[in-house]
């Protein structure tokens, strides 16, 4: 399965606030918010949604194609990704802008306040997917993850025009884009990924009902944090998969990206939707227990053991038979 993952490639600046954000907000003063949080910790890590998903797919034994825009400061990051099985030959390098920056502060309840500097990502709109497909001899799936909004719409439209199946993952950009743009991103997607809050945003922005969304996509994959994952579609019974057990919640950054990587790997391995979601939930749990989005390593025996503990021996045996890590 030849998967191209389009989206952001960034450096993450991850900070920890030893309190609750909610304690700092005054209900009748929200229109005049002016806050500064003194943080206890700073970790600078590799990140970006497309890069995180690609890294996860590479760790699971695939060779995903990363498609996005970066600055000339990308050399070390490129080497890291290539060592982990990611094809970076279709990454555009800007000569004038830095690679994107993600600045995120997490409080003691795992709530987050974040900002994202686009930088070179704005040049992603100049990337043609046909060139990527020609280089690879075709594409089986294009993931349209958070990116420059113009690039997201362009990639989606190109997929429709060329008949390439695509997975819509609008995620953070639902807060930035307008209803007509979001409808273009979603309509006709083979897979749609949203979390619980993003589901509400999507319905509000598009004006569609949940039934209308299901009629417009192949499979709607909705993550609900500790409550698990629900997969719906028009004409088939919903699939529910509980979340994987977590020993300690360390850092939620990149957990959704890890789920997508595991789920997409499951599709590549021709596993069922249930098994694919179980892989996704397991990889998400590993990332939740780790500081940083690409700081984990995978061991086949340990991965299988974790799946067996939460989902049973039959699931572990079926999934382990497909693993090459």
Protein backbone atom coordinates (compact mmCIF):
# COMPACT_ATOMS: atom_id res chain seq x y z
CA UNK A 1 0.00 0.00 0.00
CA UNK A 2 1.57 3.26 -1.14
CA UNK A 3 0.57 5.99 1.31
CA UNK A 4 1.47 9.66 0.97
CA UNK A 5 1.03 11.67 4.16
CA UNK A 6 0.56 15.38 3.52
CA UNK A 7 0.58 17.95 6.31
CA UNK A 8 2.69 19.85 8.79
CA UNK A 9 6.33 19.17 9.57
CA UNK A 10 7.45 21.09 12.63
CA UNK A 11 9.62 21.45 15.69
CA UNK A 12 7.67 21.09 18.95
CA UNK A 13 8.42 23.27 21.99
CA UNK A 14 6.62 21.42 24.80
CA UNK A 15 6.16 23.08 28.20
CA UNK A 16 4.51 22.01 31.47
CA UNK A 17 2.47 24.28 33.76
CA UNK A 18 2.21 22.88 37.34
CA UNK A 19 -1.39 23.94 37.86
CA UNK A 20 -4.76 24.15 36.15
CA UNK A 21 -5.41 26.61 33.33
CA UNK A 22 -9.06 26.71 34.38
CA UNK A 23 -8.12 28.18 37.77
CA UNK A 24 -6.61 31.21 36.04
CA UNK A 25 -9.69 32.26 34.08
CA UNK A 26 -12.23 34.67 35.57
CA UNK A 27 -15.68 34.07 34.12
CA UNK A 28 -16.70 37.71 33.67
CA UNK A 29 -13.28 38.78 32.36
CA UNK A 30 -12.81 36.35 29.47
CA UNK A 31 -13.03 39.12 26.89
CA UNK A 32 -9.96 40.75 28.46
CA UNK A 33 -7.75 37.73 28.98
CA UNK A 34 -4.06 38.58 29.45
CA UNK A 35 -2.16 35.71 31.01
CA UNK A 36 1.41 34.46 31.25
CA UNK A 37 2.10 30.99 32.62
CA UNK A 38 5.40 30.34 34.40
CA UNK A 39 6.35 26.84 33.25
CA UNK A 40 8.64 24.34 34.97
CA UNK A 41 9.80 22.37 31.96
CA UNK A 42 10.75 22.80 28.29
CA UNK A 43 11.38 19.99 25.83
CA UNK A 44 12.24 20.69 22.18
CA UNK A 45 11.22 17.78 20.00
CA UNK A 46 10.59 16.81 16.39
CA UNK A 47 6.93 17.06 15.43
CA UNK A 48 4.29 18.10 12.93
CA UNK A 49 1.23 15.99 12.22
CA UNK A 50 2.37 14.53 8.89
CA UNK A 51 5.84 13.81 10.20
CA UNK A 52 4.44 12.15 13.35
CA UNK A 53 2.09 9.92 11.35
CA UNK A 54 4.89 9.04 8.92
CA UNK A 55 7.28 8.23 11.76
CA UNK A 56 4.72 5.88 13.30
CA UNK A 57 4.12 4.12 9.99
CA UNK A 58 7.87 3.78 9.50
CA UNK A 59 8.31 2.28 12.96
CA UNK A 60 5.63 -0.28 12.11
CA UNK A 61 7.56 -1.37 9.03
CA UNK A 62 6.06 0.72 6.22
CA UNK A 63 7.77 3.23 3.94
CA UNK A 64 5.33 6.15 3.89
CA UNK A 65 5.94 9.17 1.68
CA UNK A 66 6.06 12.44 3.60
CA UNK A 67 4.70 15.41 1.63
CA UNK A 68 5.04 18.91 3.06
CA UNK A 69 7.17 22.05 3.16
CA UNK A 70 10.17 22.82 5.39
CA UNK A 71 13.03 25.28 5.71
CA UNK A 72 16.72 24.76 5.05
CA UNK A 73 17.05 23.84 8.74
CA UNK A 74 15.47 20.44 7.99
CA UNK A 75 18.63 18.39 7.31
CA UNK A 76 18.97 16.72 10.73
CA UNK A 77 15.25 16.05 10.92
CA UNK A 78 15.31 14.55 7.42
CA UNK A 79 18.07 12.14 8.41
CA UNK A 80 16.12 11.10 11.50
CA UNK A 81 12.98 10.33 9.52
CA UNK A 82 14.83 8.46 6.79
CA UNK A 83 16.54 6.29 9.43
CA UNK A 84 13.04 5.33 10.55
CA UNK A 85 11.77 4.31 7.13
CA UNK A 86 10.18 7.54 5.91
CA UNK A 87 10.54 8.61 2.26
CA UNK A 88 11.31 12.36 2.34
CA UNK A 89 12.05 12.84 -1.37
CA UNK A 90 8.76 14.71 -1.90
CA UNK A 91 9.36 17.28 0.85
CA UNK A 92 9.58 20.84 -0.51
CA UNK A 93 12.40 22.98 0.92
CA UNK A 94 11.77 26.73 1.22
CA UNK A 95 14.75 28.99 0.67
CA UNK A 96 13.29 31.90 2.64
CA UNK A 97 11.34 30.51 5.64
CA UNK A 98 12.03 28.37 8.68
CA UNK A 99 10.43 25.02 9.36
CA UNK A 100 7.16 25.38 11.29
CA UNK A 101 7.13 25.73 15.08
CA UNK A 102 4.55 24.29 17.50
CA UNK A 103 4.55 25.83 20.99
CA UNK A 104 2.40 23.94 23.49
CA UNK A 105 1.86 24.20 27.24
CA UNK A 106 0.19 21.34 29.13
CA UNK A 107 -1.27 21.70 32.62
CA UNK A 108 -1.62 19.10 35.37
CA UNK A 109 -5.00 17.94 33.99
CA UNK A 110 -3.50 17.35 30.51
CA UNK A 111 -5.35 20.40 29.14
CA UNK A 112 -3.30 22.26 26.53
CA UNK A 113 -2.86 25.77 25.18
CA UNK A 114 -0.88 25.92 21.96
CA UNK A 115 0.22 28.16 19.11
CA UNK A 116 1.52 27.17 15.68
CA UNK A 117 3.83 29.22 13.47
CA UNK A 118 3.38 28.14 9.87
CA UNK A 119 6.65 29.38 8.36
CA UNK A 120 7.65 27.26 5.36
CA UNK A 121 4.39 25.31 5.59
CA UNK A 122 2.68 28.07 3.60
CA UNK A 123 4.61 26.89 0.54
CA UNK A 124 2.96 23.45 0.71
CA UNK A 125 0.24 24.84 -1.55
CA UNK A 126 2.78 24.69 -4.40
CA UNK A 127 3.20 20.91 -4.16
CA UNK A 128 1.66 18.76 -6.93
CA UNK A 129 0.59 15.29 -5.86
CA UNK A 130 0.80 14.03 -9.43
CA UNK A 131 4.58 14.37 -9.29
CA UNK A 132 4.60 12.23 -6.15
CA UNK A 133 2.37 9.61 -7.79
CA UNK A 134 4.53 9.56 -10.93
CA UNK A 135 7.68 8.98 -8.89
CA UNK A 136 6.12 6.07 -7.01
CA UNK A 137 4.15 4.53 -9.85
CA UNK A 138 0.83 5.52 -8.27
CA UNK A 139 -0.71 6.14 -4.86
CA UNK A 140 -3.19 3.98 -2.98
CA UNK A 141 -4.08 6.58 -0.35
CA UNK A 142 -3.30 10.21 0.41
CA UNK A 143 -3.68 11.44 3.98
CA UNK A 144 -4.69 15.11 4.04
CA UNK A 145 -3.61 16.14 7.55
CA UNK A 146 -3.45 19.66 9.09
CA UNK A 147 -1.38 21.87 6.84
CA UNK A 148 -1.55 25.22 5.08
CA UNK A 149 -5.34 25.51 4.51
CA UNK A 150 -4.92 26.29 0.81
CA UNK A 151 -2.70 23.23 0.44
CA UNK A 152 -5.26 21.02 2.19
CA UNK A 153 -8.03 22.06 -0.18
CA UNK A 154 -5.76 21.75 -3.21
CA UNK A 155 -4.55 18.26 -2.25
CA UNK A 156 -8.13 17.11 -1.68
CA UNK A 157 -9.33 18.50 -4.99
CA UNK A 158 -6.40 16.92 -6.83
CA UNK A 159 -7.21 13.56 -5.26
CA UNK A 160 -10.79 13.82 -6.50
CA UNK A 161 -9.73 14.87 -9.98
CA UNK A 162 -7.20 12.05 -10.31
CA UNK A 163 -9.29 9.38 -8.57
CA UNK A 164 -6.88 8.87 -5.69
CA UNK A 165 -8.53 7.72 -2.43
CA UNK A 166 -7.89 10.14 0.41
CA UNK A 167 -8.24 10.31 4.18
CA UNK A 168 -9.45 13.63 5.57
CA UNK A 169 -7.85 14.66 8.86
CA UNK A 170 -8.71 18.38 9.27
CA UNK A 171 -8.01 18.33 13.02
CA UNK A 172 -6.64 21.66 14.33
CA UNK A 173 -7.48 23.50 11.14
CA UNK A 174 -11.20 23.16 11.82
CA UNK A 175 -10.76 26.20 14.06
CA UNK A 176 -9.15 28.19 11.20
CA UNK A 177 -11.14 27.20 8.11
CA UNK A 178 -14.65 28.17 7.05
CA UNK A 179 -17.57 25.86 6.32
CA UNK A 180 -17.24 25.77 2.50
CA UNK A 181 -13.54 24.83 2.77
CA UNK A 182 -14.23 22.14 5.37
CA UNK A 183 -16.97 20.65 3.22
CA UNK A 184 -14.46 20.38 0.38
CA UNK A 185 -12.01 18.58 2.66
CA UNK A 186 -14.54 16.02 3.85
CA UNK A 187 -16.79 15.27 0.88
CA UNK A 188 -15.82 12.00 -0.78
CA UNK A 189 -13.12 11.00 1.72
CA UNK A 190 -12.46 7.28 2.05
CA UNK A 191 -11.72 7.93 5.74
CA UNK A 192 -12.51 10.87 8.00
CA UNK A 193 -10.69 11.31 11.31
CA UNK A 194 -12.01 13.52 14.13
CA UNK A 195 -11.87 13.58 17.91
CA UNK A 196 -14.95 14.32 20.02
CA UNK A 197 -14.55 18.10 20.02
CA UNK A 198 -13.58 18.22 16.35
CA UNK A 199 -16.73 16.29 15.51
CA UNK A 200 -18.80 19.08 17.05
CA UNK A 201 -16.78 21.74 15.24
CA UNK A 202 -17.16 19.95 11.92
CA UNK A 203 -20.92 19.62 12.23
CA UNK A 204 -21.28 23.26 13.27
CA UNK A 205 -19.04 24.59 10.48
CA UNK A 206 -20.47 22.48 7.65
CA UNK A 207 -24.10 22.63 8.69
CA UNK A 208 -24.33 18.90 7.99
CA UNK A 209 -25.97 16.40 10.30
CA UNK A 210 -24.02 13.35 11.43
CA UNK A 211 -26.08 11.24 9.01
CA UNK A 212 -25.13 13.55 6.14
CA UNK A 213 -21.44 13.23 7.03
CA UNK A 214 -21.71 9.44 7.09
CA UNK A 215 -23.29 9.51 3.64
CA UNK A 216 -20.40 11.59 2.26
CA UNK A 217 -17.47 9.53 3.54
CA UNK A 218 -16.49 5.89 3.45
CA UNK A 219 -15.54 5.42 7.11
CA UNK A 220 -15.79 8.00 9.88
CA UNK A 221 -13.22 7.29 12.61
CA UNK A 222 -14.01 9.19 15.81
CA UNK A 223 -11.60 9.08 18.75
CA UNK A 224 -12.96 9.75 22.23
CA UNK A 225 -9.84 9.78 24.40
CA UNK A 226 -10.07 7.38 27.33
CA UNK A 227 -13.50 6.25 26.12
CA UNK A 228 -12.07 4.65 22.99
CA UNK A 229 -12.80 4.83 19.26
CA UNK A 230 -16.00 4.59 17.27
CA UNK A 231 -16.05 3.91 13.52
CA UNK A 232 -19.20 4.62 11.54
CA UNK A 233 -20.28 4.60 7.93
CA UNK A 234 -23.36 4.50 5.77
CA UNK A 235 -24.71 0.98 5.52
CA UNK A 236 -22.70 -0.91 8.15
CA UNK A 237 -22.87 -1.45 11.89
CA UNK A 238 -20.68 0.88 13.98
CA UNK A 239 -17.45 -0.54 15.36
CA UNK A 240 -16.38 0.39 18.89
CA UNK A 241 -12.90 -0.24 20.30
CA UNK A 242 -12.04 0.66 23.91
CA UNK A 243 -8.94 2.70 24.64
CA UNK A 244 -5.73 0.88 25.49
CA UNK A 245 -4.65 0.76 29.13
CA UNK A 246 -2.11 3.46 30.03
CA UNK A 247 0.40 3.06 32.85
CA UNK A 248 0.97 6.82 33.25
CA UNK A 249 -0.25 9.82 31.25
CA UNK A 250 2.94 11.76 30.56
CA UNK A 251 2.27 13.95 27.51
CA UNK A 252 -0.82 13.95 25.22
CA UNK A 253 0.96 15.69 22.33
CA UNK A 254 0.90 13.52 19.21
CA UNK A 255 -1.41 10.85 20.62
CA UNK A 256 -3.95 11.35 17.83
CA UNK A 257 -1.19 11.19 15.22
CA UNK A 258 0.00 7.89 16.67
CA UNK A 259 -3.53 6.48 16.52
CA UNK A 260 -3.78 7.43 12.85
CA UNK A 261 -0.44 5.77 12.10
CA UNK A 262 -1.47 2.54 13.80
CA UNK A 263 -4.89 2.53 12.15
CA UNK A 264 -3.46 3.19 8.68
CA UNK A 265 -0.86 0.47 9.18
CA UNK A 266 -3.71 -1.90 10.01
CA UNK A 267 -5.41 -1.04 6.73
CA UNK A 268 -2.10 -1.63 4.93
CA UNK A 269 -1.82 -5.03 6.64
CA UNK A 270 -5.40 -5.84 5.52
CA UNK A 271 -6.67 -6.10 9.08
CA UNK A 272 -10.30 -5.43 9.97
CA UNK A 273 -11.44 -2.00 11.12
CA UNK A 274 -11.58 -3.33 14.70
CA UNK A 275 -8.05 -4.71 14.61
CA UNK A 276 -6.73 -1.58 12.88
CA UNK A 277 -8.23 0.58 15.62
CA UNK A 278 -6.71 -1.69 18.28
CA UNK A 279 -3.28 -1.14 16.75
CA UNK A 280 -3.95 2.59 16.66
CA UNK A 281 -5.04 2.68 20.29
CA UNK A 282 -1.98 0.71 21.38
CA UNK A 283 0.44 3.03 19.59
CA UNK A 284 -1.46 6.03 20.98
CA UNK A 285 -1.03 4.69 24.52
CA UNK A 286 2.72 4.30 23.98
CA UNK A 287 2.99 7.93 22.87
CA UNK A 288 0.84 9.11 25.79
CA UNK A 289 3.36 7.48 28.14
CA UNK A 290 6.25 9.33 26.43
CA UNK A 291 7.45 12.95 26.32
CA UNK A 292 7.61 13.93 22.66
CA UNK A 293 5.83 12.61 19.61
CA UNK A 294 8.69 10.58 18.09
CA UNK A 295 10.69 9.49 21.10
CA UNK A 296 9.36 5.94 21.36
CA UNK A 297 10.73 2.66 20.04
CA UNK A 298 8.71 -0.41 19.13
CA UNK A 299 9.51 -4.00 20.03
CA UNK A 300 7.41 -6.72 18.41
CA UNK A 301 7.12 -8.90 21.50
CA UNK A 302 6.30 -6.01 23.81
CA UNK A 303 3.78 -4.56 21.35
CA UNK A 304 2.06 -7.93 21.06
CA UNK A 305 2.01 -8.33 24.85
CA UNK A 306 0.37 -4.93 25.26
CA UNK A 307 -2.32 -5.81 22.72
CA UNK A 308 -3.01 -9.14 24.42
CA UNK A 309 -3.38 -7.46 27.82
CA UNK A 310 -6.06 -5.04 26.61
CA UNK A 311 -7.67 -6.76 23.61
CA UNK A 312 -7.01 -10.46 24.13
CA UNK A 313 -4.77 -13.20 22.77
CA UNK A 314 -6.65 -13.64 19.48
CA UNK A 315 -6.14 -9.95 18.63
CA UNK A 316 -2.47 -10.13 19.60
CA UNK A 317 -1.84 -13.23 17.49
CA UNK A 318 -3.51 -11.79 14.40
CA UNK A 319 -1.76 -8.43 14.67
CA UNK A 320 1.67 -9.88 15.55
CA UNK A 321 1.57 -12.08 12.45
CA UNK A 322 1.60 -8.90 10.35
CA UNK A 323 4.27 -6.99 12.27
CA UNK A 324 7.79 -6.56 10.94
CA UNK A 325 9.16 -4.36 13.76
